[in-house]
């Protein structure tokens, strides 16, 4: 596993691990297998582990802290605040007020069982709190030694600029994959202009790009993707046709569609770290193998021709208020 530098000096494995699914977002989870997957990730050289206070809710951070505590000095804890949930999962909105930032950080530190969060992200921008106030509070956490680096998730280019003027932003995290390329218009350019790294979540299109989901009925009953517009009816069928190019290239290269999809994200720049999520060792090992897959210019051109930006059917979220209203379309 090679490394990449995010921002000016945060060194990460070139593929990280998204840990949300270990707390039940994608159907039934198995703590024993998830724990084994965490340990296997460390063995494979993966160092960046992404969680959030609302995953679980609240349980995922504690699980990561328990699973990785023995190797804390070898890994990066990435966690997020700002999406407010009850313990039962009820959505209460977005909060970026300074008091909430400080309180959330202290609670995350407790659950993770550590005295320092390596990378602390605002999960969604609060449209009612100036970003300067939110980032100012995050900067105080850095000065206090509670946080190493700060970042934003799903923020607009203007918000990124304003935030960076208050305190250096190390990372912006947004959805990015072959079928979600919105960030190429403004977000990636401003990140590169300012020297900000990029973490790509859902680089496998929430599993769609793996080719493993033949029908929506393949998903567990409690899998949240049943509410994902891209997995519904005609959109599912249209997207399945698009994904065929990924499967064809995988067959030619003797690898898996997931590895092709991840290799595509890796090819977009060495300032990008994808964080495919999984709760199983077998899938983890498959994803890690993507670092050895080389897509030729001809492969990349074929993907561009058959699955160009904007060709995916359906919105990214059923309720786009999941992205703070002030950020939508910017």
Protein backbone atom coordinates (compact mmCIF):
# COMPACT_ATOMS: atom_id res chain seq x y z
CA UNK A 1 0.00 0.00 0.00
CA UNK A 2 1.48 3.29 -1.11
CA UNK A 3 0.83 6.65 0.52
CA UNK A 4 -0.54 10.02 -0.55
CA UNK A 5 -0.29 13.44 1.07
CA UNK A 6 -3.51 15.30 1.82
CA UNK A 7 -3.15 19.05 2.14
CA UNK A 8 0.39 20.04 3.00
CA UNK A 9 1.45 17.29 5.37
CA UNK A 10 -1.22 14.71 6.28
CA UNK A 11 0.13 11.40 5.01
CA UNK A 12 -2.45 8.70 4.35
CA UNK A 13 -2.61 5.32 2.68
CA UNK A 14 -3.79 5.84 -0.90
CA UNK A 15 -7.01 4.00 -0.10
CA UNK A 16 -8.80 4.51 3.21
CA UNK A 17 -11.70 2.69 4.84
CA UNK A 18 -15.20 4.06 5.25
CA UNK A 19 -16.60 2.53 8.42
CA UNK A 20 -20.28 3.55 8.33
CA UNK A 21 -21.53 0.14 7.20
CA UNK A 22 -20.09 -1.46 10.32
CA UNK A 23 -22.99 0.05 12.25
CA UNK A 24 -25.88 -1.22 10.15
CA UNK A 25 -26.49 1.35 7.40
CA UNK A 26 -26.34 -1.35 4.72
CA UNK A 27 -28.42 -4.05 6.34
CA UNK A 28 -27.37 -6.59 8.95
CA UNK A 29 -23.91 -6.16 10.42
CA UNK A 30 -21.64 -8.57 12.25
CA UNK A 31 -19.40 -7.02 14.90
CA UNK A 32 -17.01 -9.96 14.85
CA UNK A 33 -16.46 -9.81 11.10
CA UNK A 34 -16.24 -6.01 11.17
CA UNK A 35 -13.60 -6.16 13.89
CA UNK A 36 -11.63 -8.69 11.83
CA UNK A 37 -11.94 -6.36 8.84
CA UNK A 38 -10.46 -3.48 10.84
CA UNK A 39 -7.50 -5.62 11.83
CA UNK A 40 -7.03 -6.86 8.28
CA UNK A 41 -7.06 -3.28 7.00
CA UNK A 42 -4.16 -2.42 9.27
CA UNK A 43 -2.28 -5.51 8.05
CA UNK A 44 -2.79 -4.36 4.46
CA UNK A 45 -1.31 -0.94 5.23
CA UNK A 46 -4.54 1.06 5.31
CA UNK A 47 -4.10 3.95 7.73
CA UNK A 48 -7.11 6.25 7.22
CA UNK A 49 -10.35 5.21 8.96
CA UNK A 50 -13.43 7.37 8.40
CA UNK A 51 -16.33 7.54 10.86
CA UNK A 52 -18.78 10.15 12.21
CA UNK A 53 -20.69 10.81 15.40
CA UNK A 54 -24.05 10.09 13.69
CA UNK A 55 -23.05 6.66 12.40
CA UNK A 56 -24.91 4.22 14.58
CA UNK A 57 -25.91 6.81 15.80
CA UNK A 58 -22.90 7.27 18.08
CA UNK A 59 -21.96 3.57 18.13
CA UNK A 60 -19.53 3.61 15.21
CA UNK A 61 -16.95 5.88 16.83
CA UNK A 62 -16.86 3.67 19.93
CA UNK A 63 -16.51 0.57 17.75
CA UNK A 64 -13.60 2.08 15.83
CA UNK A 65 -11.90 3.19 19.03
CA UNK A 66 -12.27 -0.29 20.49
CA UNK A 67 -11.11 -2.03 17.33
CA UNK A 68 -8.09 0.14 16.62
CA UNK A 69 -7.06 1.28 20.09
CA UNK A 70 -4.15 -1.16 20.25
CA UNK A 71 -2.66 0.28 17.04
CA UNK A 72 -3.66 3.90 17.60
CA UNK A 73 -0.20 5.19 16.73
CA UNK A 74 -0.38 3.57 13.27
CA UNK A 75 -3.74 4.90 12.09
CA UNK A 76 -5.57 8.15 11.36
CA UNK A 77 -8.93 8.78 12.99
CA UNK A 78 -11.21 10.82 10.76
CA UNK A 79 -14.55 11.77 12.24
CA UNK A 80 -17.27 14.30 11.57
CA UNK A 81 -19.79 16.50 13.37
CA UNK A 82 -22.71 18.67 12.35
CA UNK A 83 -25.54 16.32 11.41
CA UNK A 84 -27.70 16.20 14.54
CA UNK A 85 -29.44 12.92 15.34
CA UNK A 86 -31.19 11.43 18.35
CA UNK A 87 -29.99 8.06 19.65
CA UNK A 88 -32.92 6.54 17.72
CA UNK A 89 -31.68 8.12 14.51
CA UNK A 90 -34.22 10.95 14.17
CA UNK A 91 -32.83 13.76 12.05
CA UNK A 92 -32.80 17.08 13.93
CA UNK A 93 -30.99 19.24 11.40
CA UNK A 94 -27.51 20.67 11.02
CA UNK A 95 -25.54 22.52 13.69
CA UNK A 96 -22.27 24.37 13.18
CA UNK A 97 -22.37 26.73 16.15
CA UNK A 98 -19.10 27.08 18.08
CA UNK A 99 -20.54 25.60 21.29
CA UNK A 100 -21.82 22.58 19.38
CA UNK A 101 -18.45 22.13 17.65
CA UNK A 102 -16.60 22.05 20.97
CA UNK A 103 -19.14 19.79 22.66
CA UNK A 104 -19.22 17.36 19.75
CA UNK A 105 -15.43 17.11 19.68
CA UNK A 106 -15.23 16.23 23.36
CA UNK A 107 -17.88 13.52 22.96
CA UNK A 108 -16.14 12.07 19.90
CA UNK A 109 -12.82 11.96 21.76
CA UNK A 110 -14.50 10.02 24.57
CA UNK A 111 -16.15 7.52 22.23
CA UNK A 112 -12.97 7.01 20.20
CA UNK A 113 -10.94 6.59 23.38
CA UNK A 114 -8.24 9.00 22.26
CA UNK A 115 -6.92 12.43 23.17
CA UNK A 116 -6.61 13.65 19.57
CA UNK A 117 -8.66 13.41 16.39
CA UNK A 118 -6.33 13.35 13.40
CA UNK A 119 -8.80 14.91 10.96
CA UNK A 120 -12.03 16.58 12.09
CA UNK A 121 -14.64 17.42 9.46
CA UNK A 122 -17.83 19.43 9.43
CA UNK A 123 -20.22 16.79 8.09
CA UNK A 124 -22.58 19.29 6.48
CA UNK A 125 -22.42 23.07 6.35
CA UNK A 126 -24.87 24.83 8.67
CA UNK A 127 -26.68 27.43 6.53
CA UNK A 128 -27.61 29.41 9.65
CA UNK A 129 -24.09 29.75 11.09
CA UNK A 130 -21.36 31.66 9.22
CA UNK A 131 -18.65 29.25 8.18
CA UNK A 132 -16.10 31.64 9.71
CA UNK A 133 -17.59 30.98 13.16
CA UNK A 134 -17.64 27.22 12.71
CA UNK A 135 -14.07 27.05 11.41
CA UNK A 136 -12.94 29.47 14.10
CA UNK A 137 -14.12 26.99 16.74
CA UNK A 138 -12.43 24.13 14.86
CA UNK A 139 -9.20 26.16 14.81
CA UNK A 140 -9.43 26.50 18.59
CA UNK A 141 -9.54 22.70 18.83
CA UNK A 142 -6.34 22.50 16.77
CA UNK A 143 -4.67 25.06 19.05
CA UNK A 144 -5.78 23.05 22.08
CA UNK A 145 -4.23 19.86 20.67
CA UNK A 146 -7.56 18.03 20.47
CA UNK A 147 -7.55 18.00 16.65
CA UNK A 148 -4.66 17.65 14.20
CA UNK A 149 -6.27 18.82 10.95
CA UNK A 150 -9.66 20.15 9.91
CA UNK A 151 -11.84 19.82 6.85
CA UNK A 152 -15.29 20.15 5.33
CA UNK A 153 -17.71 17.69 3.78
CA UNK A 154 -20.05 18.57 0.90
CA UNK A 155 -19.18 22.29 0.92
CA UNK A 156 -19.40 24.73 -1.99
CA UNK A 157 -16.37 26.36 -3.58
CA UNK A 158 -17.22 29.71 -2.00
CA UNK A 159 -17.57 28.13 1.45
CA UNK A 160 -14.23 26.36 1.04
CA UNK A 161 -12.51 29.63 0.21
CA UNK A 162 -14.05 31.43 3.18
CA UNK A 163 -13.20 28.59 5.54
CA UNK A 164 -9.61 28.38 4.31
CA UNK A 165 -9.13 32.10 4.96
CA UNK A 166 -9.83 31.47 8.68
CA UNK A 167 -7.68 28.37 9.13
CA UNK A 168 -5.96 26.03 6.64
CA UNK A 169 -8.38 23.39 5.43
CA UNK A 170 -6.52 20.11 4.96
CA UNK A 171 -9.27 18.07 3.31
CA UNK A 172 -12.60 18.42 1.56
CA UNK A 173 -14.70 15.26 1.50
CA UNK A 174 -17.49 14.71 -1.01
CA UNK A 175 -19.03 11.93 -3.01
CA UNK A 176 -16.91 11.14 -6.06
CA UNK A 177 -16.96 8.19 -8.42
CA UNK A 178 -17.46 7.38 -12.08
CA UNK A 179 -21.18 8.03 -11.64
CA UNK A 180 -20.94 11.09 -9.32
CA UNK A 181 -18.65 13.71 -10.84
CA UNK A 182 -20.22 17.02 -9.75
CA UNK A 183 -17.05 17.99 -7.85
CA UNK A 184 -15.05 18.21 -11.07
CA UNK A 185 -16.72 21.50 -12.02
CA UNK A 186 -15.71 23.71 -9.08
CA UNK A 187 -14.74 21.74 -5.96
CA UNK A 188 -11.64 19.91 -7.17
CA UNK A 189 -10.30 23.01 -8.96
CA UNK A 190 -10.58 25.19 -5.85
CA UNK A 191 -9.05 22.45 -3.68
CA UNK A 192 -6.06 22.26 -6.02
CA UNK A 193 -5.74 26.02 -6.16
CA UNK A 194 -5.60 26.19 -2.35
CA UNK A 195 -3.54 23.03 -1.78
CA UNK A 196 -6.38 21.10 -0.14
CA UNK A 197 -6.58 17.32 -0.34
CA UNK A 198 -9.72 15.43 -1.30
CA UNK A 199 -11.38 12.37 0.24
CA UNK A 200 -13.82 10.59 -2.07
CA UNK A 201 -16.67 8.88 -0.28
CA UNK A 202 -18.92 6.34 -2.00
CA UNK A 203 -16.28 5.74 -4.71
CA UNK A 204 -18.15 2.55 -5.66
CA UNK A 205 -21.49 4.30 -6.11
CA UNK A 206 -22.82 2.77 -2.89
CA UNK A 207 -21.99 -0.64 -4.30
CA UNK A 208 -23.68 -0.16 -7.68
CA UNK A 209 -20.39 0.02 -9.59
CA UNK A 210 -19.33 -3.39 -8.28
CA UNK A 211 -21.91 -5.06 -10.51
CA UNK A 212 -22.95 -7.24 -7.58
CA UNK A 213 -26.48 -5.81 -7.29
CA UNK A 214 -28.52 -7.32 -10.10
CA UNK A 215 -31.85 -6.07 -8.75
CA UNK A 216 -32.97 -3.80 -5.88
CA UNK A 217 -34.48 -6.92 -4.30
CA UNK A 218 -30.91 -8.16 -3.73
CA UNK A 219 -30.61 -5.58 -0.92
CA UNK A 220 -31.53 -6.41 2.66
CA UNK A 221 -34.96 -5.18 3.74
CA UNK A 222 -33.45 -2.60 6.12
CA UNK A 223 -30.81 -1.40 3.63
CA UNK A 224 -31.13 2.37 3.26
CA UNK A 225 -30.40 2.14 -0.49
CA UNK A 226 -34.06 1.20 -0.98
CA UNK A 227 -34.62 4.96 -0.62
CA UNK A 228 -31.77 5.92 -2.96
CA UNK A 229 -33.18 7.38 -6.22
CA UNK A 230 -30.43 5.73 -8.27
CA UNK A 231 -31.57 2.30 -7.11
CA UNK A 232 -35.23 2.84 -8.06
CA UNK A 233 -37.20 1.50 -11.03
CA UNK A 234 -36.19 2.94 -14.37
CA UNK A 235 -33.17 4.70 -12.89
CA UNK A 236 -31.80 1.36 -11.70
CA UNK A 237 -32.16 -0.16 -15.17
CA UNK A 238 -30.59 2.85 -16.89
CA UNK A 239 -27.65 2.88 -14.50
CA UNK A 240 -27.15 -0.85 -14.86
CA UNK A 241 -26.66 -0.35 -18.60
CA UNK A 242 -24.10 2.41 -17.95
CA UNK A 243 -22.11 0.26 -15.53
CA UNK A 244 -21.60 -2.44 -18.15
CA UNK A 245 -18.47 -0.64 -19.37
CA UNK A 246 -16.86 -1.08 -15.95
CA UNK A 247 -17.64 -4.79 -16.06
CA UNK A 248 -16.24 -5.16 -19.57
CA UNK A 249 -12.92 -3.52 -18.65
CA UNK A 250 -12.67 -5.63 -15.49
CA UNK A 251 -13.05 -8.80 -17.58
CA UNK A 252 -10.31 -7.63 -19.94
CA UNK A 253 -7.91 -6.82 -17.09
CA UNK A 254 -8.68 -9.91 -15.03
CA UNK A 255 -9.80 -7.90 -12.04
CA UNK A 256 -13.15 -6.98 -10.51
CA UNK A 257 -15.49 -4.11 -11.42
CA UNK A 258 -14.93 -2.63 -7.96
CA UNK A 259 -11.20 -2.51 -8.61
CA UNK A 260 -11.74 -0.76 -11.95
CA UNK A 261 -14.01 1.82 -10.28
CA UNK A 262 -11.47 2.50 -7.55
CA UNK A 263 -8.57 2.62 -10.01
CA UNK A 264 -10.53 5.27 -11.93
CA UNK A 265 -10.81 7.46 -8.79
CA UNK A 266 -7.11 6.95 -8.02
CA UNK A 267 -6.26 8.01 -11.56
CA UNK A 268 -7.93 11.40 -11.09
CA UNK A 269 -5.01 12.78 -9.06
CA UNK A 270 -2.57 11.87 -6.32
CA UNK A 271 -4.28 14.37 -4.01
CA UNK A 272 -7.37 12.13 -3.83
CA UNK A 273 -7.92 9.29 -1.36
CA UNK A 274 -11.03 7.13 -1.90
CA UNK A 275 -12.65 5.54 1.15
CA UNK A 276 -14.70 2.56 -0.02
CA UNK A 277 -16.82 1.25 2.81
CA UNK A 278 -17.11 -2.37 3.81
CA UNK A 279 -17.74 -4.56 6.82
CA UNK A 280 -16.17 -7.74 5.39
CA UNK A 281 -12.56 -8.87 5.03
CA UNK A 282 -13.07 -10.36 1.58
CA UNK A 283 -14.38 -7.10 0.16
CA UNK A 284 -11.68 -5.13 1.96
CA UNK A 285 -8.96 -7.23 0.35
CA UNK A 286 -10.59 -6.82 -3.06
CA UNK A 287 -10.75 -3.04 -2.66
CA UNK A 288 -7.15 -2.81 -1.49
CA UNK A 289 -6.09 -4.69 -4.62
CA UNK A 290 -7.25 -1.76 -6.74
CA UNK A 291 -3.92 -0.02 -6.13
CA UNK A 292 -2.33 -2.52 -8.53
CA UNK A 293 -4.85 -2.01 -11.35
CA UNK A 294 -3.61 0.27 -14.13
CA UNK A 295 -6.16 1.80 -16.48
CA UNK A 296 -4.70 2.75 -19.84
CA UNK A 297 -5.63 5.98 -21.66
CA UNK A 298 -7.80 3.79 -23.90
CA UNK A 299 -9.68 2.40 -20.91
CA UNK A 300 -10.23 5.87 -19.48
CA UNK A 301 -11.43 7.17 -22.84
CA UNK A 302 -13.90 4.32 -23.16
CA UNK A 303 -15.31 5.03 -19.70
CA UNK A 304 -15.61 8.71 -20.61
CA UNK A 305 -17.44 7.85 -23.82
CA UNK A 306 -19.84 5.31 -22.37
CA UNK A 307 -20.41 6.86 -18.93
CA UNK A 308 -19.71 10.60 -19.20
CA UNK A 309 -20.25 13.07 -16.39
CA UNK A 310 -23.95 13.69 -15.83
CA UNK A 311 -25.15 10.46 -17.44
CA UNK A 312 -26.24 8.76 -14.20
CA UNK A 313 -30.00 8.55 -13.68
CA UNK A 314 -31.42 9.86 -10.40
CA UNK A 315 -30.37 12.29 -7.69
CA UNK A 316 -27.63 11.35 -5.20
CA UNK A 317 -30.07 11.57 -2.27
CA UNK A 318 -33.82 11.10 -1.99
CA UNK A 319 -33.90 14.29 0.06
CA UNK A 320 -31.30 16.73 -1.11
CA UNK A 321 -31.62 18.58 2.20
CA UNK A 322 -29.07 15.98 3.26
CA UNK A 323 -26.78 18.55 1.65
CA UNK A 324 -27.20 21.84 3.51
CA UNK A 325 -29.63 24.05 1.48
CA UNK A 326 -27.08 26.86 1.13
CA UNK A 327 -24.72 24.46 -0.65
CA UNK A 328 -27.08 22.84 -3.15
CA UNK A 329 -26.16 23.58 -6.74
CA UNK A 330 -23.08 25.62 -5.87
